[in-house]
Amino acid sequence: MRGKIRVLLMAGLLAAAALAAPAARAEEVRSSFLYDETADRLTVRLWLERDGVAMRNTSSDKFGEATLEIYDEVTNAWFPAQTLKPPAPSDLQTHIFTWTLEDATTNTAGIKLGKGKSYFARCTMRYGSPSGTAFTYQTGATFSVSATAGMRDVSASALSLRTKLAGLKETVTDESTQTQEALDRKKSGVLVAPEVHDLTGGEAAGEGAPETATIEEAEILVNERAVLLGSIVAILFRTHAGVSPIVTVYDPNRVVRVATARMVEEKEGAYKYSLRLDPSWPEGDYTVICSEARYGTMDTLILTVKRPDMATLAAAGGAVPRRASAEDQAAEIKAISASVEIAEARLKKAAEAMVRMQEGVAGSGEVAEEVGSLYNDLKGLGAKLKGLGTDPAGLSEVAENRATDFVYLRNKMQELRALVEFSRRLLEPSLMEEPIIQVWMEFR
């Protein structure tokens, strides 16, 4: 039998150290949001820092455009993205990008913000190379549109009304007493002139200014901000007890991956949602938004999501992407092994059907049916293996355009069988003690 040998190798801890990826760049996007209530103007400033020092254009590295996106919780959508122009390439001093929104709360077209509300903004900057497009940096920020003047007017009006009502109450009580006295005097033949009372009242004794409602801070908590596709991330949200918070997740392309999912209150004021990062989702920065409507609290965070390939494993010190507990992983591998046995049985049936067709016992229809069933079994097995997140070489992919190619399907069976064993060993606790090498034969 002619064939070829293929090898799949996953470096362990020592090998990963030798393959260490380049150090991540230390640049960070900084932002400042200032709302001027008197002018009804929002001013946003963005700049890029490296180790606490603001960066500028240099002879070799230039700024590209910056982008600002604001999330509207009411419509559960993003306002139109705003582009901030970079300084001229010859400008080696300017380093702050500025964007201004006039009539921020009264706009009839474009972005219109609500007074007293909090918003999440996604800030993106580009820098590096003469074109300014070598690197892209992103951060998230939360800002509030203050309404202190409006609250003062409301408080003053409420205080005046409460004071007048308190005075009116005292006056009515006093008049009731005096009316009864007048009736008594009338009965005794004494006429009493009516008295005039000021109903505007005075300051109620012991009354103070009304309490001003405040929005308590809420917070999203996660163990890691950099995670791998195929993993499950516990999103924890701290806010008021007894409410119904929801979570929405956007991928780097602003596609909604989780839409207003309900969170579960695990203990008083602490809510949880288990976010599964599907292996088919794209890499990049994901935006997680948790909010609840009763008190209007909200918080956001950015999750940096990577694909669990060799580079990310090396950069993480050889960490293995784990989707669940060791017991769950063992159960998954066991179930996948059972799927391998089914696929192998189907392969045997397909091969026997081909032999019978060559002998004139079976027709081409039986062969096509068995080969088609084999393809479906392999397709399902590949999907399960892909979900483990342990396929650095893309062996779990089964080509649809080769669904009737028996030689290809037979070799794919070899690959998937090797990948199952490779995944089983990769998920073992002793993974990082030595490199993992998996060898298999393919037919020609």
Protein backbone atom coordinates (compact mmCIF):
# COMPACT_ATOMS: atom_id res chain seq x y z
CA MET A 1 0.00 0.00 0.00
CA ARG A 2 1.45 3.32 -1.07
CA GLY A 3 0.83 6.32 1.13
CA LYS A 4 2.39 9.09 3.10
CA ILE A 5 2.96 9.81 6.75
CA ARG A 6 1.73 13.05 8.33
CA VAL A 7 2.72 14.40 11.73
CA LEU A 8 0.85 16.75 14.05
CA LEU A 9 2.93 18.26 16.84
CA MET A 10 1.84 20.51 19.69
CA ALA A 11 4.61 22.06 21.76
CA GLY A 12 4.49 21.66 25.50
CA LEU A 13 5.68 24.17 28.04
CA LEU A 14 9.39 24.07 27.18
CA ALA A 15 8.83 24.04 23.43
CA ALA A 16 6.31 26.87 23.70
CA ALA A 17 8.88 29.00 25.48
CA ALA A 18 11.23 28.51 22.55
CA LEU A 19 8.48 29.55 20.15
CA ALA A 20 7.47 32.58 22.23
CA ALA A 21 5.59 35.16 20.21
CA PRO A 22 6.86 38.74 19.92
CA ALA A 23 6.12 40.89 22.94
CA ALA A 24 2.84 42.77 22.74
CA ARG A 25 3.10 46.48 22.07
CA ALA A 26 2.67 48.60 25.19
CA GLU A 27 0.58 51.38 23.62
CA GLU A 28 -2.76 52.22 25.24
CA VAL A 29 -5.64 54.41 24.10
CA ARG A 30 -6.63 57.09 26.63
CA SER A 31 -9.86 59.07 26.54
CA SER A 32 -11.56 62.05 28.18
CA PHE A 33 -15.31 62.79 28.03
CA LEU A 34 -16.57 66.18 29.23
CA TYR A 35 -20.20 67.27 29.07
CA ASP A 36 -20.90 71.00 29.51
CA GLU A 37 -24.50 71.21 30.71
CA THR A 38 -24.75 74.97 30.25
CA ALA A 39 -23.67 74.82 26.59
CA ASP A 40 -25.20 71.35 26.05
CA ARG A 41 -21.91 70.28 24.50
CA LEU A 42 -20.02 66.95 24.69
CA THR A 43 -16.26 67.13 24.09
CA VAL A 44 -14.25 63.96 23.57
CA ARG A 45 -10.45 63.74 23.51
CA LEU A 46 -8.43 60.68 22.50
CA TRP A 47 -4.70 60.12 22.66
CA LEU A 48 -2.22 57.27 22.57
CA GLU A 49 0.30 56.54 25.32
CA ARG A 50 3.31 54.31 25.62
CA ASP A 51 4.41 53.66 29.21
CA GLY A 52 2.56 56.79 30.35
CA VAL A 53 4.06 59.09 27.68
CA ALA A 54 1.84 60.59 24.96
CA MET A 55 2.86 59.48 21.48
CA ARG A 56 3.27 61.77 18.45
CA ASN A 57 4.06 61.51 14.76
CA THR A 58 7.65 60.54 14.02
CA SER A 59 9.66 60.33 10.81
CA SER A 60 8.70 56.65 10.39
CA ASP A 61 5.46 56.21 12.36
CA LYS A 62 2.36 58.33 11.78
CA PHE A 63 -1.15 58.56 13.17
CA GLY A 64 -4.07 57.24 11.14
CA GLU A 65 -7.73 58.04 11.67
CA ALA A 66 -9.41 57.50 15.03
CA THR A 67 -12.99 56.27 15.44
CA LEU A 68 -15.56 56.91 18.17
CA GLU A 69 -18.69 54.77 18.61
CA ILE A 70 -21.37 55.36 21.27
CA TYR A 71 -23.85 52.67 22.35
CA ASP A 72 -27.52 53.62 22.81
CA GLU A 73 -29.09 51.37 25.44
CA VAL A 74 -32.62 52.56 24.58
CA THR A 75 -32.51 51.28 21.00
CA ASN A 76 -29.98 48.52 21.76
CA ALA A 77 -27.82 49.77 18.88
CA TRP A 78 -24.77 51.91 18.12
CA PHE A 79 -25.00 55.51 17.05
CA PRO A 80 -23.27 56.22 13.69
CA ALA A 81 -19.49 55.93 14.02
CA GLN A 82 -17.62 59.24 14.15
CA THR A 83 -14.25 59.69 12.44
CA LEU A 84 -11.55 61.87 14.05
CA LYS A 85 -8.99 63.20 11.58
CA PRO A 86 -5.29 62.73 12.48
CA PRO A 87 -2.76 65.56 12.63
CA ALA A 88 -0.87 66.28 9.42
CA PRO A 89 2.07 63.89 8.81
CA SER A 90 4.46 66.83 9.18
CA ASP A 91 2.97 67.80 12.58
CA LEU A 92 5.28 66.28 15.20
CA GLN A 93 3.67 68.03 18.18
CA THR A 94 -0.10 67.48 18.09
CA HIS A 95 -1.12 64.24 19.74
CA ILE A 96 -4.72 64.75 20.93
CA PHE A 97 -7.72 63.93 18.73
CA THR A 98 -10.79 66.06 19.55
CA TRP A 99 -14.46 65.55 18.68
CA THR A 100 -17.34 67.83 19.75
CA LEU A 101 -21.09 67.19 19.77
CA GLU A 102 -23.11 70.41 19.93
CA ASP A 103 -26.72 70.40 21.19
CA ALA A 104 -26.00 66.95 22.59
CA THR A 105 -29.44 66.45 24.21
CA THR A 106 -31.56 68.45 21.75
CA ASN A 107 -30.30 67.20 18.39
CA THR A 108 -33.04 66.44 15.90
CA ALA A 109 -30.67 64.64 13.54
CA GLY A 110 -27.67 62.43 14.28
CA ILE A 111 -26.61 61.59 17.82
CA LYS A 112 -29.03 62.65 20.55
CA LEU A 113 -28.14 61.89 24.17
CA GLY A 114 -30.44 61.80 27.17
CA LYS A 115 -29.85 63.91 30.27
CA GLY A 116 -28.95 61.98 33.38
CA LYS A 117 -28.04 58.86 31.36
CA SER A 118 -24.81 56.88 31.18
CA TYR A 119 -23.32 55.73 27.88
CA PHE A 120 -20.60 53.34 26.72
CA ALA A 121 -18.14 54.44 24.04
CA ARG A 122 -15.71 52.38 21.98
CA CYS A 123 -12.56 54.30 21.00
CA THR A 124 -10.25 53.09 18.22
CA MET A 125 -6.92 54.61 17.13
CA ARG A 126 -4.51 53.64 14.34
CA TYR A 127 -0.79 54.26 14.42
CA GLY A 128 2.45 53.06 12.87
CA SER A 129 4.23 53.08 9.49
CA PRO A 130 4.14 56.09 7.12
CA SER A 131 0.50 55.27 6.25
CA GLY A 132 -0.64 55.21 9.89
CA THR A 133 -2.31 51.81 9.47
CA ALA A 134 0.24 49.36 10.87
CA PHE A 135 -1.46 48.87 14.26
CA THR A 136 -4.97 49.31 15.62
CA TYR A 137 -5.63 50.03 19.31
CA GLN A 138 -8.98 50.04 21.07
CA THR A 139 -10.43 50.80 24.47
CA GLY A 140 -13.84 51.31 26.05
CA ALA A 141 -15.09 54.10 28.29
CA THR A 142 -18.26 55.00 30.17
CA PHE A 143 -19.45 58.58 30.53
CA SER A 144 -22.53 60.35 31.91
CA VAL A 145 -24.59 63.26 30.65
CA SER A 146 -25.11 65.35 33.79
CA ALA A 147 -28.43 66.97 34.68
CA THR A 148 -27.55 68.87 37.86
CA ALA A 149 -29.23 72.14 36.82
CA GLY A 150 -32.42 70.36 35.93
CA MET A 151 -32.33 68.45 39.21
CA ARG A 152 -31.87 71.72 41.13
CA ASP A 153 -34.93 73.22 39.43
CA VAL A 154 -36.97 70.09 40.17
CA SER A 155 -35.76 70.02 43.79
CA ALA A 156 -36.59 73.72 44.30
CA SER A 157 -40.06 73.28 42.81
CA ALA A 158 -40.69 70.16 44.89
CA LEU A 159 -39.52 71.91 48.06
CA SER A 160 -41.77 74.93 47.38
CA LEU A 161 -44.76 72.68 46.72
CA ARG A 162 -44.18 70.60 49.85
CA THR A 163 -43.79 73.75 51.94
CA LYS A 164 -47.03 75.19 50.60
CA LEU A 165 -48.87 71.96 51.18
CA ALA A 166 -47.55 71.79 54.74
CA GLY A 167 -48.73 75.38 55.34
CA LEU A 168 -52.12 74.65 53.81
CA LYS A 169 -52.52 71.63 56.07
CA GLU A 170 -51.81 73.73 59.16
CA THR A 171 -54.20 76.46 57.94
CA VAL A 172 -57.03 74.01 57.29
CA THR A 173 -56.55 72.50 60.73
CA ASP A 174 -56.51 75.96 62.34
CA GLU A 175 -59.62 77.08 60.40
CA SER A 176 -61.47 73.94 61.39
CA THR A 177 -60.84 74.76 65.04
CA GLN A 178 -61.82 78.40 64.62
CA THR A 179 -64.99 77.50 62.69
CA GLN A 180 -66.13 75.31 65.53
CA GLU A 181 -65.42 78.16 67.99
CA ALA A 182 -67.43 80.57 65.81
CA LEU A 183 -70.37 78.20 65.74
CA ASP A 184 -70.26 77.94 69.51
CA ARG A 185 -70.19 81.72 69.86
CA LYS A 186 -73.07 82.13 67.40
CA LYS A 187 -75.12 79.81 69.49
CA SER A 188 -74.39 82.01 72.49
CA GLY A 189 -75.52 85.12 70.55
CA VAL A 190 -72.04 86.59 69.96
CA LEU A 191 -71.30 87.62 66.32
CA VAL A 192 -67.75 87.00 65.10
CA ALA A 193 -66.13 88.79 62.13
CA PRO A 194 -64.56 86.44 59.61
CA GLU A 195 -60.77 86.22 59.66
CA VAL A 196 -58.54 86.21 56.56
CA HIS A 197 -55.67 83.73 56.45
CA ASP A 198 -52.58 83.59 54.21
CA LEU A 199 -52.77 80.22 52.41
CA THR A 200 -49.25 80.46 50.98
CA GLY A 201 -48.05 78.97 54.25
CA GLY A 202 -44.60 79.13 55.69
CA GLU A 203 -41.63 76.82 56.05
CA ALA A 204 -42.84 73.57 57.51
CA ALA A 205 -41.26 72.76 60.78
CA GLY A 206 -38.66 70.04 60.51
CA GLU A 207 -39.00 69.84 56.69
CA GLY A 208 -35.83 69.72 54.62
CA ALA A 209 -35.05 69.53 50.91
CA PRO A 210 -36.42 66.43 49.15
CA GLU A 211 -34.04 63.57 48.57
CA THR A 212 -32.45 63.47 45.14
CA ALA A 213 -32.50 60.06 43.47
CA THR A 214 -29.05 58.81 42.59
CA ILE A 215 -27.96 56.01 40.27
CA GLU A 216 -25.71 53.59 42.12
CA GLU A 217 -22.61 52.38 40.38
CA ALA A 218 -22.70 48.93 38.79
CA GLU A 219 -19.72 46.78 37.85
CA ILE A 220 -18.92 43.87 35.54
CA LEU A 221 -16.41 41.39 36.93
CA VAL A 222 -14.48 38.75 34.95
CA ASN A 223 -11.43 36.71 35.85
CA GLU A 224 -9.62 37.34 32.55
CA ARG A 225 -9.89 40.08 29.92
CA ALA A 226 -7.97 38.03 27.30
CA VAL A 227 -9.72 34.74 26.48
CA LEU A 228 -9.76 32.06 23.78
CA LEU A 229 -12.44 31.04 21.32
CA GLY A 230 -14.04 27.79 22.44
CA SER A 231 -13.92 28.78 26.10
CA ILE A 232 -16.72 29.68 28.50
CA VAL A 233 -16.39 33.02 30.30
CA ALA A 234 -18.32 33.76 33.50
CA ILE A 235 -19.71 37.30 33.26
CA LEU A 236 -20.53 38.64 36.75
CA PHE A 237 -22.57 41.82 37.19
CA ARG A 238 -22.88 43.62 40.54
CA THR A 239 -25.89 45.92 40.90
CA HIS A 240 -29.15 46.23 42.89
CA ALA A 241 -30.75 43.08 44.31
CA GLY A 242 -34.02 41.77 42.96
CA VAL A 243 -33.75 43.25 39.45
CA SER A 244 -33.58 41.63 36.00
CA PRO A 245 -30.31 42.58 34.30
CA ILE A 246 -29.58 41.60 30.71
CA VAL A 247 -26.34 41.13 28.78
CA THR A 248 -25.61 41.95 25.14
CA VAL A 249 -22.38 40.98 23.37
CA TYR A 250 -21.03 42.52 20.14
CA ASP A 251 -18.19 40.99 18.14
CA PRO A 252 -15.37 43.11 16.57
CA ASN A 253 -17.56 43.69 13.49
CA ARG A 254 -20.42 45.03 15.65
CA VAL A 255 -22.48 41.90 15.00
CA VAL A 256 -24.71 40.93 17.94
CA ARG A 257 -23.59 37.52 19.20
CA VAL A 258 -25.70 37.53 22.39
CA ALA A 259 -28.90 39.61 22.36
CA THR A 260 -30.41 40.80 25.67
CA ALA A 261 -29.85 37.50 27.48
CA ARG A 262 -31.16 37.30 31.06
CA MET A 263 -28.64 37.02 33.88
CA VAL A 264 -29.17 34.79 36.92
CA GLU A 265 -28.94 36.21 40.45
CA GLU A 266 -26.59 33.86 42.29
CA LYS A 267 -26.62 35.88 45.49
CA GLU A 268 -28.03 39.22 46.54
CA GLY A 269 -27.05 41.86 44.00
CA ALA A 270 -24.65 39.52 42.13
CA TYR A 271 -25.73 38.19 38.72
CA LYS A 272 -24.05 35.72 36.38
CA TYR A 273 -24.14 34.81 32.70
CA SER A 274 -22.00 32.05 31.15
CA LEU A 275 -20.75 33.36 27.80
CA ARG A 276 -19.69 30.62 25.42
CA LEU A 277 -17.28 31.92 22.77
CA ASP A 278 -18.16 29.83 19.75
CA PRO A 279 -15.04 28.64 17.88
CA SER A 280 -16.55 29.90 14.60
CA TRP A 281 -16.70 33.51 15.84
CA PRO A 282 -14.02 35.99 14.67
CA GLU A 283 -11.02 37.08 16.71
CA GLY A 284 -10.75 40.59 18.13
CA ASP A 285 -12.22 42.86 20.80
CA TYR A 286 -15.72 41.94 21.97
CA THR A 287 -17.95 44.47 23.74
CA VAL A 288 -19.96 43.16 26.70
CA ILE A 289 -22.79 45.37 28.00
CA CYS A 290 -24.74 44.56 31.18
CA SER A 291 -27.70 46.73 32.17
CA GLU A 292 -30.97 46.73 34.06
CA ALA A 293 -33.93 49.03 33.49
CA ARG A 294 -35.40 49.44 36.97
CA TYR A 295 -32.61 51.65 38.36
CA GLY A 296 -30.93 52.44 35.04
CA THR A 297 -27.55 50.94 36.00
CA MET A 298 -25.11 49.76 33.33
CA ASP A 299 -21.49 48.75 32.88
CA THR A 300 -19.38 47.57 29.96
CA LEU A 301 -16.09 45.86 29.28
CA ILE A 302 -13.90 44.81 26.37
CA LEU A 303 -12.90 41.15 26.01
CA THR A 304 -9.91 40.43 23.79
CA VAL A 305 -10.67 37.11 22.10
CA LYS A 306 -8.04 35.03 20.31
CA ARG A 307 -8.08 31.76 18.43
CA PRO A 308 -6.31 28.93 20.29
CA ASP A 309 -3.53 28.38 17.77
CA MET A 310 0.17 27.79 18.41
CA ALA A 311 0.95 31.52 18.68
CA THR A 312 -1.60 32.19 21.40
CA LEU A 313 -0.65 29.04 23.26
CA ALA A 314 2.97 30.16 23.23
CA ALA A 315 2.15 33.72 24.26
CA ALA A 316 0.06 32.38 27.13
CA GLY A 317 2.91 30.22 28.34
CA GLY A 318 1.45 27.04 26.87
CA ALA A 319 -1.99 27.44 28.46
CA VAL A 320 -4.60 25.01 27.13
CA PRO A 321 -8.03 26.34 26.18
CA ARG A 322 -10.46 24.64 28.52
CA ARG A 323 -14.16 24.94 27.87
CA ALA A 324 -15.40 23.31 31.04
CA SER A 325 -14.35 21.10 33.93
CA ALA A 326 -12.02 18.14 33.45
CA GLU A 327 -15.00 15.81 33.97
CA ASP A 328 -16.98 17.54 31.21
CA GLN A 329 -14.00 17.40 28.86
CA ALA A 330 -13.53 13.70 29.54
CA ALA A 331 -17.21 13.11 28.82
CA GLU A 332 -16.92 15.06 25.54
CA ILE A 333 -13.91 13.05 24.43
CA LYS A 334 -15.75 9.83 25.30
CA ALA A 335 -18.78 10.90 23.24
CA ILE A 336 -16.55 11.89 20.33
CA SER A 337 -14.77 8.52 20.50
CA ALA A 338 -18.17 6.86 20.14
CA SER A 339 -18.80 9.00 17.04
CA VAL A 340 -15.46 7.79 15.66
CA GLU A 341 -16.59 4.18 16.03
CA ILE A 342 -19.83 4.96 14.16
CA ALA A 343 -17.91 6.69 11.36
CA GLU A 344 -15.47 3.80 11.09
CA ALA A 345 -18.35 1.33 10.83
CA ARG A 346 -19.84 3.49 8.06
CA LEU A 347 -16.47 3.55 6.26
CA LYS A 348 -16.36 -0.22 6.38
CA LYS A 349 -19.88 -0.44 4.91
CA ALA A 350 -18.99 1.97 2.13
CA ALA A 351 -15.88 -0.03 1.26
CA GLU A 352 -17.87 -3.29 1.24
CA ALA A 353 -20.50 -1.70 -1.03
CA MET A 354 -17.78 -0.68 -3.49
CA VAL A 355 -16.41 -4.23 -3.52
CA ARG A 356 -19.92 -5.63 -4.14
CA MET A 357 -20.42 -3.16 -6.98
CA GLN A 358 -17.16 -4.30 -8.58
CA GLU A 359 -18.41 -7.89 -8.28
CA GLY A 360 -21.72 -6.93 -9.86
CA VAL A 361 -23.72 -7.69 -6.71
CA ALA A 362 -24.54 -4.10 -5.71
CA GLY A 363 -25.48 -1.07 -7.77
CA SER A 364 -24.02 2.44 -7.81
CA GLY A 365 -27.02 3.74 -5.86
CA GLU A 366 -26.10 1.68 -2.79
CA VAL A 367 -22.50 2.91 -2.99
CA ALA A 368 -23.62 6.54 -3.31
CA GLU A 369 -25.91 6.13 -0.29
CA GLU A 370 -23.19 4.64 1.89
CA VAL A 371 -20.59 7.24 0.80
CA GLY A 372 -23.08 10.05 1.43
CA SER A 373 -23.81 8.70 4.93
CA LEU A 374 -20.06 8.44 5.55
CA TYR A 375 -19.62 12.09 4.59
CA ASN A 376 -22.41 13.16 6.97
CA ASP A 377 -20.88 11.15 9.83
CA LEU A 378 -17.45 12.70 9.23
CA LYS A 379 -18.96 16.19 8.96
CA GLY A 380 -20.65 15.79 12.36
CA LEU A 381 -17.51 14.35 13.93
CA GLY A 382 -15.43 17.25 12.58
CA ALA A 383 -17.86 19.80 14.05
CA LYS A 384 -17.59 18.19 17.50
CA LEU A 385 -13.80 18.22 17.35
CA LYS A 386 -13.76 21.84 16.23
CA GLY A 387 -15.85 22.73 19.27
CA LEU A 388 -13.08 21.48 21.56
CA GLY A 389 -10.77 24.25 20.37
CA THR A 390 -7.83 21.84 20.03
CA ASP A 391 -7.37 21.82 16.25
CA PRO A 392 -4.28 23.94 15.42
CA ALA A 393 -3.95 22.47 11.90
CA GLY A 394 -7.59 22.71 10.80
CA LEU A 395 -7.97 18.95 10.46
CA SER A 396 -11.60 19.03 11.63
CA GLU A 397 -12.74 20.78 8.44
CA VAL A 398 -14.49 18.41 6.00
CA ALA A 399 -14.63 19.75 2.42
CA GLU A 400 -18.16 19.82 1.03
CA ASN A 401 -16.96 19.75 -2.59
CA ARG A 402 -15.35 16.34 -1.97
CA ALA A 403 -18.38 14.65 -0.43
CA THR A 404 -18.30 11.88 -3.06
CA ASP A 405 -14.50 11.41 -3.11
CA PHE A 406 -14.04 8.08 -1.32
CA VAL A 407 -10.23 8.34 -1.14
CA TYR A 408 -10.52 11.81 0.41
CA LEU A 409 -13.12 10.57 2.93
CA ARG A 410 -10.96 7.60 3.87
CA ASN A 411 -7.98 9.91 4.50
CA LYS A 412 -10.22 12.34 6.42
CA MET A 413 -11.20 9.43 8.67
CA GLN A 414 -7.51 8.90 9.40
CA GLU A 415 -7.04 12.59 10.20
CA LEU A 416 -10.04 12.79 12.52
CA ARG A 417 -9.02 9.61 14.34
CA ALA A 418 -5.57 11.13 14.92
CA LEU A 419 -7.13 14.43 16.02
CA VAL A 420 -9.30 12.65 18.60
CA GLU A 421 -6.25 11.05 20.19
CA PHE A 422 -4.34 14.31 19.95
CA SER A 423 -7.20 16.19 21.70
CA ARG A 424 -7.43 13.58 24.42
CA ARG A 425 -3.73 13.93 25.20
CA LEU A 426 -3.81 17.72 24.90
CA LEU A 427 -6.50 17.99 27.57
CA GLU A 428 -4.62 15.83 30.03
CA PRO A 429 -3.21 17.64 33.10
CA SER A 430 0.30 16.43 32.22
CA LEU A 431 0.20 18.16 28.81
CA MET A 432 3.01 20.61 29.44
CA GLU A 433 5.59 18.08 30.53
CA GLU A 434 6.65 17.25 26.96
CA PRO A 435 5.67 17.90 23.33
CA ILE A 436 2.75 15.90 21.89
CA ILE A 437 3.41 14.13 18.58
CA GLN A 438 0.65 12.35 16.65
CA VAL A 439 1.47 10.31 13.53
CA TRP A 440 -0.92 8.74 11.02
CA MET A 441 -0.85 7.14 7.57
CA GLU A 442 -2.79 8.55 4.61
CA PHE A 443 -3.75 6.68 1.43
CA ARG A 444 -2.85 7.76 -2.08
